[in-house]
Amino acid sequence: MDASTRATSAIDGTAASDAPTTQVSRASPETALPADVQQVLDHYTQICNLADKFQQDPASQSLRFQLRKRINLAVNQIGLSLPSVLHKSSVLAALLHESLTTETAVESSESVSLLDAWLQLQVVRRIVREGAEQVVVSLPSSFALGAVLVLLTQQHPRLKPVVLGTFYQLCPYTIPHWYRRRPGESLEAYLVRLGYSKPNESFESYCERMGGYLSLFAAMLQTALPNMHPNPYGTGMLWTWSARVVNAKPRRMTCLLLGNVFEVAGYALSQQYGNQFRKLLRLVEAEVLPRLPKDAPPGPTARLKHWIEEALRSGPQPCPGHILPMRDSQNT
């Protein structure tokens, strides 16, 4: 069995001998995406198509190079402090504003210019991918980068479906959704939909990246900065996500999903929903954990079980870094 087939087996929970190769899985059909998610993905696809047109324009090559440099510089300099987050958010917001006013914007037949669509994707993807990498090393970075996404969306509301669409594409568990292989779909295309970076990526590496995306996603949804307008995403979306995971059939990835999200945002959920959140935790303890598949990784399972036990005993504790300090050690 090759690495990509093992990866597919690991994700959908099938036994190795039943993993799809050239045949479509005999498992039950994939459930339809929620209407709100499908609407986001439809808009995201439109933005991607417009951005691709700008990317293929030879005349804009120099402009793309300069804009990427400015985006990378700003994102690389986001520190773990409130002043840094506010400053770099302003820099990126100003860059997005330029795309609406610059004379070099290439117009499309849509209401969005090609340049604006391209910039939206570049900024959001750069932050989300940076976050997934940094969170593995430093969990507090999820709060800084998540706050930047919130601040940018507040100033540019058109970014919201692009931000969500980026998460949904890179990590379908942020929907959450468990894709199944489509009739006639190649194994490589299927793994891309699952979020694998390459067909032979190891399951361990895949889980690490998915965990990074989930931590950043949770941090963004629960962001609440001093004197800030309401979060355009909010804990309500996080509550809906949690309910969807808990109500779904327990899978090999379930504990990884819940563990990462509860570690980052369990305190915020507890503050917002109180006893309802405690009931949700008891439901996970009584109904989800005992029904996990036999090949569920023991590490994430033990970690989630321990977190729930501690949360029910003394209440969820804030994740380190959830309050951005006024200073950090970085040169911001």
Protein backbone atom coordinates (compact mmCIF):
# COMPACT_ATOMS: atom_id res chain seq x y z
CA MET A 1 0.00 0.00 0.00
CA ASP A 2 1.45 3.41 -0.95
CA ALA A 3 1.64 6.45 1.37
CA SER A 4 -1.28 8.26 -0.21
CA THR A 5 -3.54 5.24 0.21
CA ARG A 6 -2.51 4.94 3.86
CA ALA A 7 -3.30 8.61 4.29
CA THR A 8 -6.78 8.18 2.84
CA SER A 9 -7.44 5.21 5.10
CA ALA A 10 -6.29 7.17 8.13
CA ILE A 11 -8.66 10.03 7.49
CA ASP A 12 -11.92 8.34 6.63
CA GLY A 13 -11.44 5.69 9.29
CA THR A 14 -11.60 2.69 6.96
CA ALA A 15 -9.44 -0.34 7.47
CA ALA A 16 -6.31 -0.48 5.36
CA SER A 17 -7.68 -3.26 3.20
CA ASP A 18 -10.81 -1.19 2.52
CA ALA A 19 -9.02 2.06 1.67
CA PRO A 20 -9.97 3.49 -1.73
CA THR A 21 -7.51 3.09 -4.56
CA THR A 22 -9.05 3.23 -8.00
CA GLN A 23 -12.47 2.30 -6.64
CA VAL A 24 -14.97 4.53 -4.88
CA SER A 25 -15.56 3.77 -1.21
CA ARG A 26 -18.70 1.74 -0.47
CA ALA A 27 -19.32 3.90 2.58
CA SER A 28 -22.51 5.93 2.91
CA PRO A 29 -22.77 8.97 0.61
CA GLU A 30 -21.21 12.21 1.74
CA THR A 31 -23.63 14.54 3.48
CA ALA A 32 -24.42 17.87 1.85
CA LEU A 33 -22.66 20.97 3.07
CA PRO A 34 -24.71 23.37 5.23
CA ALA A 35 -26.27 26.15 3.15
CA ASP A 36 -24.23 28.89 4.85
CA VAL A 37 -21.00 27.03 4.16
CA GLN A 38 -21.90 26.39 0.51
CA GLN A 39 -22.66 30.09 0.05
CA VAL A 40 -19.23 31.00 1.43
CA LEU A 41 -17.48 28.49 -0.81
CA ASP A 42 -19.35 29.70 -3.90
CA HIS A 43 -18.22 33.27 -3.25
CA TYR A 44 -14.70 32.09 -2.48
CA THR A 45 -14.54 30.25 -5.80
CA GLN A 46 -15.57 33.42 -7.64
CA ILE A 47 -12.84 35.40 -5.90
CA CYS A 48 -10.28 32.70 -6.75
CA ASN A 49 -11.28 32.77 -10.42
CA LEU A 50 -10.88 36.56 -10.59
CA ALA A 51 -7.56 36.39 -8.77
CA ASP A 52 -6.29 33.76 -11.21
CA LYS A 53 -6.97 36.14 -14.11
CA PHE A 54 -4.85 38.81 -12.46
CA GLN A 55 -2.15 36.25 -11.66
CA GLN A 56 -1.94 35.29 -15.35
CA ASP A 57 -1.64 38.89 -16.58
CA PRO A 58 1.99 39.45 -17.73
CA ALA A 59 1.60 43.22 -17.42
CA SER A 60 0.99 42.96 -13.67
CA GLN A 61 4.03 40.82 -12.83
CA SER A 62 6.07 43.66 -11.36
CA LEU A 63 3.09 44.94 -9.35
CA ARG A 64 2.43 41.46 -7.94
CA PHE A 65 6.07 41.17 -6.87
CA GLN A 66 5.99 44.50 -5.04
CA LEU A 67 2.68 43.75 -3.35
CA ARG A 68 3.85 40.33 -2.16
CA LYS A 69 6.92 41.95 -0.61
CA ARG A 70 4.76 44.40 1.31
CA ILE A 71 2.38 41.67 2.48
CA ASN A 72 5.19 39.36 3.59
CA LEU A 73 6.97 42.15 5.45
CA ALA A 74 3.85 43.13 7.37
CA VAL A 75 2.86 39.57 8.28
CA ASN A 76 6.41 38.61 9.29
CA GLN A 77 6.50 41.56 11.69
CA ILE A 78 3.28 40.74 13.56
CA GLY A 79 4.34 40.43 17.18
CA LEU A 80 2.56 38.97 20.18
CA SER A 81 1.45 42.34 21.54
CA LEU A 82 -1.62 44.50 21.10
CA PRO A 83 0.28 47.50 19.64
CA SER A 84 1.95 45.27 17.06
CA VAL A 85 -1.35 43.65 16.08
CA LEU A 86 -3.05 47.04 15.74
CA HIS A 87 -0.20 48.55 13.72
CA LYS A 88 0.28 45.67 11.29
CA SER A 89 -3.47 45.35 10.83
CA SER A 90 -3.55 49.02 9.83
CA VAL A 91 -0.73 48.48 7.35
CA LEU A 92 -2.51 45.55 5.70
CA ALA A 93 -5.88 47.33 5.77
CA ALA A 94 -4.34 50.31 3.99
CA LEU A 95 -2.92 47.99 1.36
CA LEU A 96 -6.35 46.47 0.77
CA HIS A 97 -7.83 49.96 0.51
CA GLU A 98 -5.33 50.82 -2.23
CA SER A 99 -6.75 48.05 -4.39
CA LEU A 100 -10.08 49.89 -4.41
CA THR A 101 -8.60 53.22 -5.46
CA THR A 102 -5.49 52.48 -7.51
CA GLU A 103 -5.57 53.34 -11.20
CA THR A 104 -3.78 50.08 -11.96
CA ALA A 105 -6.73 47.98 -10.88
CA VAL A 106 -7.76 45.69 -13.72
CA GLU A 107 -11.54 45.75 -13.91
CA SER A 108 -13.64 42.65 -14.39
CA SER A 109 -17.25 42.18 -15.34
CA GLU A 110 -17.92 41.53 -11.65
CA SER A 111 -18.24 44.09 -8.87
CA VAL A 112 -14.74 43.18 -7.67
CA SER A 113 -11.62 44.20 -9.56
CA LEU A 114 -9.09 41.53 -10.46
CA LEU A 115 -6.46 43.30 -8.36
CA ASP A 116 -8.73 43.49 -5.34
CA ALA A 117 -9.63 39.79 -5.59
CA TRP A 118 -5.96 38.85 -5.90
CA LEU A 119 -4.98 41.03 -2.93
CA GLN A 120 -7.74 39.64 -0.73
CA LEU A 121 -6.52 36.10 -1.33
CA GLN A 122 -2.84 36.97 -0.94
CA VAL A 123 -3.32 38.73 2.40
CA VAL A 124 -5.67 36.16 3.90
CA ARG A 125 -3.78 33.08 2.71
CA ARG A 126 -0.48 34.51 3.93
CA ILE A 127 -1.85 35.09 7.43
CA VAL A 128 -3.69 31.76 7.66
CA ARG A 129 -0.74 29.70 6.43
CA GLU A 130 1.66 31.62 8.66
CA GLY A 131 -0.64 30.95 11.59
CA ALA A 132 -0.84 27.21 10.96
CA GLU A 133 2.97 27.03 10.99
CA GLN A 134 3.56 29.29 13.97
CA VAL A 135 0.90 27.75 16.20
CA VAL A 136 2.76 24.43 16.18
CA VAL A 137 5.74 26.18 17.81
CA SER A 138 3.96 28.93 19.77
CA LEU A 139 0.26 28.60 20.57
CA PRO A 140 -0.02 32.28 21.70
CA SER A 141 0.71 33.35 18.11
CA SER A 142 -2.77 32.08 17.18
CA PHE A 143 -4.31 34.92 19.20
CA ALA A 144 -2.20 37.61 17.54
CA LEU A 145 -2.79 36.39 13.99
CA GLY A 146 -6.44 35.63 14.70
CA ALA A 147 -6.88 39.20 15.97
CA VAL A 148 -5.34 40.57 12.77
CA LEU A 149 -7.89 38.66 10.69
CA VAL A 150 -10.71 40.03 12.84
CA LEU A 151 -9.46 43.63 12.62
CA LEU A 152 -9.03 43.38 8.85
CA THR A 153 -12.54 42.00 8.45
CA GLN A 154 -13.96 44.80 10.56
CA GLN A 155 -12.36 47.38 8.27
CA HIS A 156 -13.05 45.42 5.08
CA PRO A 157 -16.23 43.33 5.55
CA ARG A 158 -15.85 41.90 2.04
CA LEU A 159 -13.02 39.76 3.48
CA LYS A 160 -15.28 37.62 5.67
CA PRO A 161 -16.23 34.97 3.05
CA VAL A 162 -12.64 34.98 1.81
CA VAL A 163 -11.29 34.31 5.31
CA LEU A 164 -13.82 31.57 5.96
CA GLY A 165 -13.40 30.11 2.48
CA THR A 166 -9.63 29.95 2.96
CA PHE A 167 -10.04 28.02 6.21
CA TYR A 168 -12.66 25.71 4.66
CA GLN A 169 -10.41 24.95 1.69
CA LEU A 170 -7.18 24.41 3.63
CA CYS A 171 -8.80 22.58 6.54
CA PRO A 172 -12.28 21.14 5.91
CA TYR A 173 -12.55 20.33 9.61
CA THR A 174 -13.15 24.03 10.26
CA ILE A 175 -16.54 23.58 8.54
CA PRO A 176 -16.57 20.80 9.96
CA HIS A 177 -16.98 18.33 7.11
CA TRP A 178 -15.69 14.86 6.31
CA TYR A 179 -15.29 14.53 2.55
CA ARG A 180 -15.69 11.22 0.79
CA ARG A 181 -14.15 10.30 -2.50
CA ARG A 182 -16.34 11.13 -5.48
CA PRO A 183 -17.05 8.75 -8.36
CA GLY A 184 -14.22 9.10 -10.88
CA GLU A 185 -12.16 11.35 -8.61
CA SER A 186 -8.42 10.65 -8.60
CA LEU A 187 -6.78 9.83 -5.29
CA GLU A 188 -4.57 12.90 -5.59
CA ALA A 189 -7.54 15.20 -6.10
CA TYR A 190 -9.32 13.61 -3.16
CA LEU A 191 -6.35 14.15 -0.86
CA VAL A 192 -6.18 17.79 -1.93
CA ARG A 193 -9.81 18.24 -0.89
CA LEU A 194 -8.96 16.69 2.45
CA GLY A 195 -6.22 19.28 2.92
CA TYR A 196 -3.11 17.19 2.30
CA SER A 197 -0.17 19.30 1.11
CA LYS A 198 1.03 16.43 -1.11
CA PRO A 199 -0.19 12.89 -1.83
CA ASN A 200 2.57 11.25 0.23
CA GLU A 201 2.34 13.54 3.26
CA SER A 202 2.38 11.51 6.47
CA PHE A 203 -0.71 11.32 8.62
CA GLU A 204 1.26 12.79 11.54
CA SER A 205 2.34 15.81 9.50
CA TYR A 206 -1.20 16.23 8.22
CA CYS A 207 -2.66 16.18 11.73
CA GLU A 208 -0.12 18.74 12.90
CA ARG A 209 -1.10 21.18 10.16
CA MET A 210 -4.81 20.61 10.63
CA GLY A 211 -4.34 21.25 14.34
CA GLY A 212 -2.60 24.53 13.53
CA TYR A 213 -5.47 25.69 11.33
CA LEU A 214 -8.04 24.70 13.96
CA SER A 215 -6.20 26.58 16.72
CA LEU A 216 -5.98 29.73 14.59
CA PHE A 217 -9.62 29.38 13.56
CA ALA A 218 -10.73 29.06 17.20
CA ALA A 219 -8.56 31.99 18.27
CA MET A 220 -10.05 34.19 15.55
CA LEU A 221 -13.64 33.33 16.44
CA GLN A 222 -13.20 34.14 20.13
CA THR A 223 -11.11 37.32 19.67
CA ALA A 224 -12.26 40.21 21.86
CA LEU A 225 -9.90 43.18 22.01
CA PRO A 226 -10.27 46.24 24.28
CA ASN A 227 -12.67 48.86 22.85
CA MET A 228 -13.19 46.67 19.78
CA HIS A 229 -16.36 46.55 17.72
CA PRO A 230 -18.20 43.20 17.81
CA ASN A 231 -16.26 40.31 16.33
CA PRO A 232 -17.72 39.69 12.81
CA TYR A 233 -17.22 35.94 13.39
CA GLY A 234 -17.84 35.43 17.11
CA THR A 235 -18.28 32.63 19.61
CA GLY A 236 -21.70 31.86 18.15
CA MET A 237 -19.99 30.39 15.10
CA LEU A 238 -17.66 28.48 17.43
CA TRP A 239 -20.62 27.08 19.34
CA THR A 240 -22.27 25.93 16.11
CA TRP A 241 -19.00 24.29 15.05
CA SER A 242 -18.68 22.46 18.37
CA ALA A 243 -22.27 21.19 18.18
CA ARG A 244 -21.74 19.92 14.63
CA VAL A 245 -18.64 17.95 15.65
CA VAL A 246 -20.24 16.48 18.78
CA ASN A 247 -23.43 15.51 16.94
CA ALA A 248 -21.51 13.84 14.10
CA LYS A 249 -20.40 10.23 14.12
CA PRO A 250 -17.19 9.95 16.19
CA ARG A 251 -14.21 9.60 13.88
CA ARG A 252 -10.49 9.14 14.15
CA MET A 253 -9.94 12.92 14.00
CA THR A 254 -12.70 13.89 16.46
CA CYS A 255 -10.52 14.22 19.56
CA LEU A 256 -7.88 16.18 17.67
CA LEU A 257 -10.55 18.63 16.50
CA LEU A 258 -12.24 19.13 19.86
CA GLY A 259 -8.99 19.13 21.81
CA ASN A 260 -7.38 21.88 19.75
CA VAL A 261 -10.48 24.08 19.75
CA PHE A 262 -11.31 23.63 23.44
CA GLU A 263 -7.72 24.31 24.48
CA VAL A 264 -7.74 27.65 22.66
CA ALA A 265 -11.37 28.75 23.07
CA GLY A 266 -12.93 26.55 25.76
CA TYR A 267 -12.66 29.39 28.28
CA ALA A 268 -14.45 31.82 25.93
CA LEU A 269 -17.18 29.26 25.26
CA SER A 270 -17.59 28.70 28.99
CA GLN A 271 -17.87 32.44 29.63
CA GLN A 272 -20.45 32.84 26.88
CA TYR A 273 -22.56 29.69 27.35
CA GLY A 274 -21.97 28.70 30.98
CA ASN A 275 -23.92 25.60 31.96
CA GLN A 276 -24.74 24.80 28.33
CA PHE A 277 -21.04 24.34 27.64
CA ARG A 278 -20.69 22.09 30.70
CA LYS A 279 -23.53 19.97 29.32
CA LEU A 280 -21.72 19.77 26.00
CA LEU A 281 -18.55 18.57 27.74
CA ARG A 282 -20.49 15.92 29.64
CA LEU A 283 -22.02 14.80 26.35
CA VAL A 284 -18.56 14.41 24.83
CA GLU A 285 -17.42 12.46 27.89
CA ALA A 286 -20.45 10.15 27.94
CA GLU A 287 -21.33 9.72 24.27
CA VAL A 288 -18.36 10.63 22.07
CA LEU A 289 -15.28 9.24 23.80
CA PRO A 290 -16.71 5.72 24.34
CA ARG A 291 -17.72 5.50 20.66
CA LEU A 292 -14.40 6.48 19.11
CA PRO A 293 -13.05 4.10 16.47
CA LYS A 294 -10.47 1.61 17.74
CA ASP A 295 -7.69 3.23 15.68
CA ALA A 296 -8.22 6.71 17.13
CA PRO A 297 -4.78 8.13 18.07
CA PRO A 298 -4.31 7.69 21.84
CA GLY A 299 -2.49 11.01 22.32
CA PRO A 300 -5.29 13.40 21.28
CA THR A 301 -7.84 11.16 23.02
CA ALA A 302 -6.02 11.28 26.36
CA ARG A 303 -5.42 15.01 26.00
CA LEU A 304 -9.09 15.77 25.37
CA LYS A 305 -10.23 13.47 28.19
CA HIS A 306 -7.88 15.18 30.63
CA TRP A 307 -8.96 18.66 29.49
CA ILE A 308 -12.65 17.82 29.98
CA GLU A 309 -12.03 16.31 33.42
CA GLU A 310 -10.17 19.43 34.56
CA ALA A 311 -12.77 21.75 33.01
CA LEU A 312 -15.65 19.98 34.74
CA ARG A 313 -13.76 19.93 38.04
CA SER A 314 -12.57 23.54 38.24
CA GLY A 315 -13.84 25.27 35.11
CA PRO A 316 -12.00 25.85 31.80
CA GLN A 317 -8.84 27.90 32.26
CA PRO A 318 -7.75 30.67 29.86
CA CYS A 319 -5.20 29.60 27.28
CA PRO A 320 -1.81 31.31 27.75
CA GLY A 321 -1.58 34.31 25.42
CA HIS A 322 -5.32 34.85 24.98
CA ILE A 323 -4.91 38.42 26.29
CA LEU A 324 -2.44 40.30 24.11
CA PRO A 325 0.07 42.23 26.24
CA MET A 326 1.10 45.82 25.62
CA ARG A 327 4.65 44.67 24.89
CA ASP A 328 6.46 41.65 23.58
CA SER A 329 10.05 40.67 22.95
CA GLN A 330 9.84 41.17 19.20
CA ASN A 331 10.88 44.27 17.34
CA THR A 332 7.46 45.50 16.24
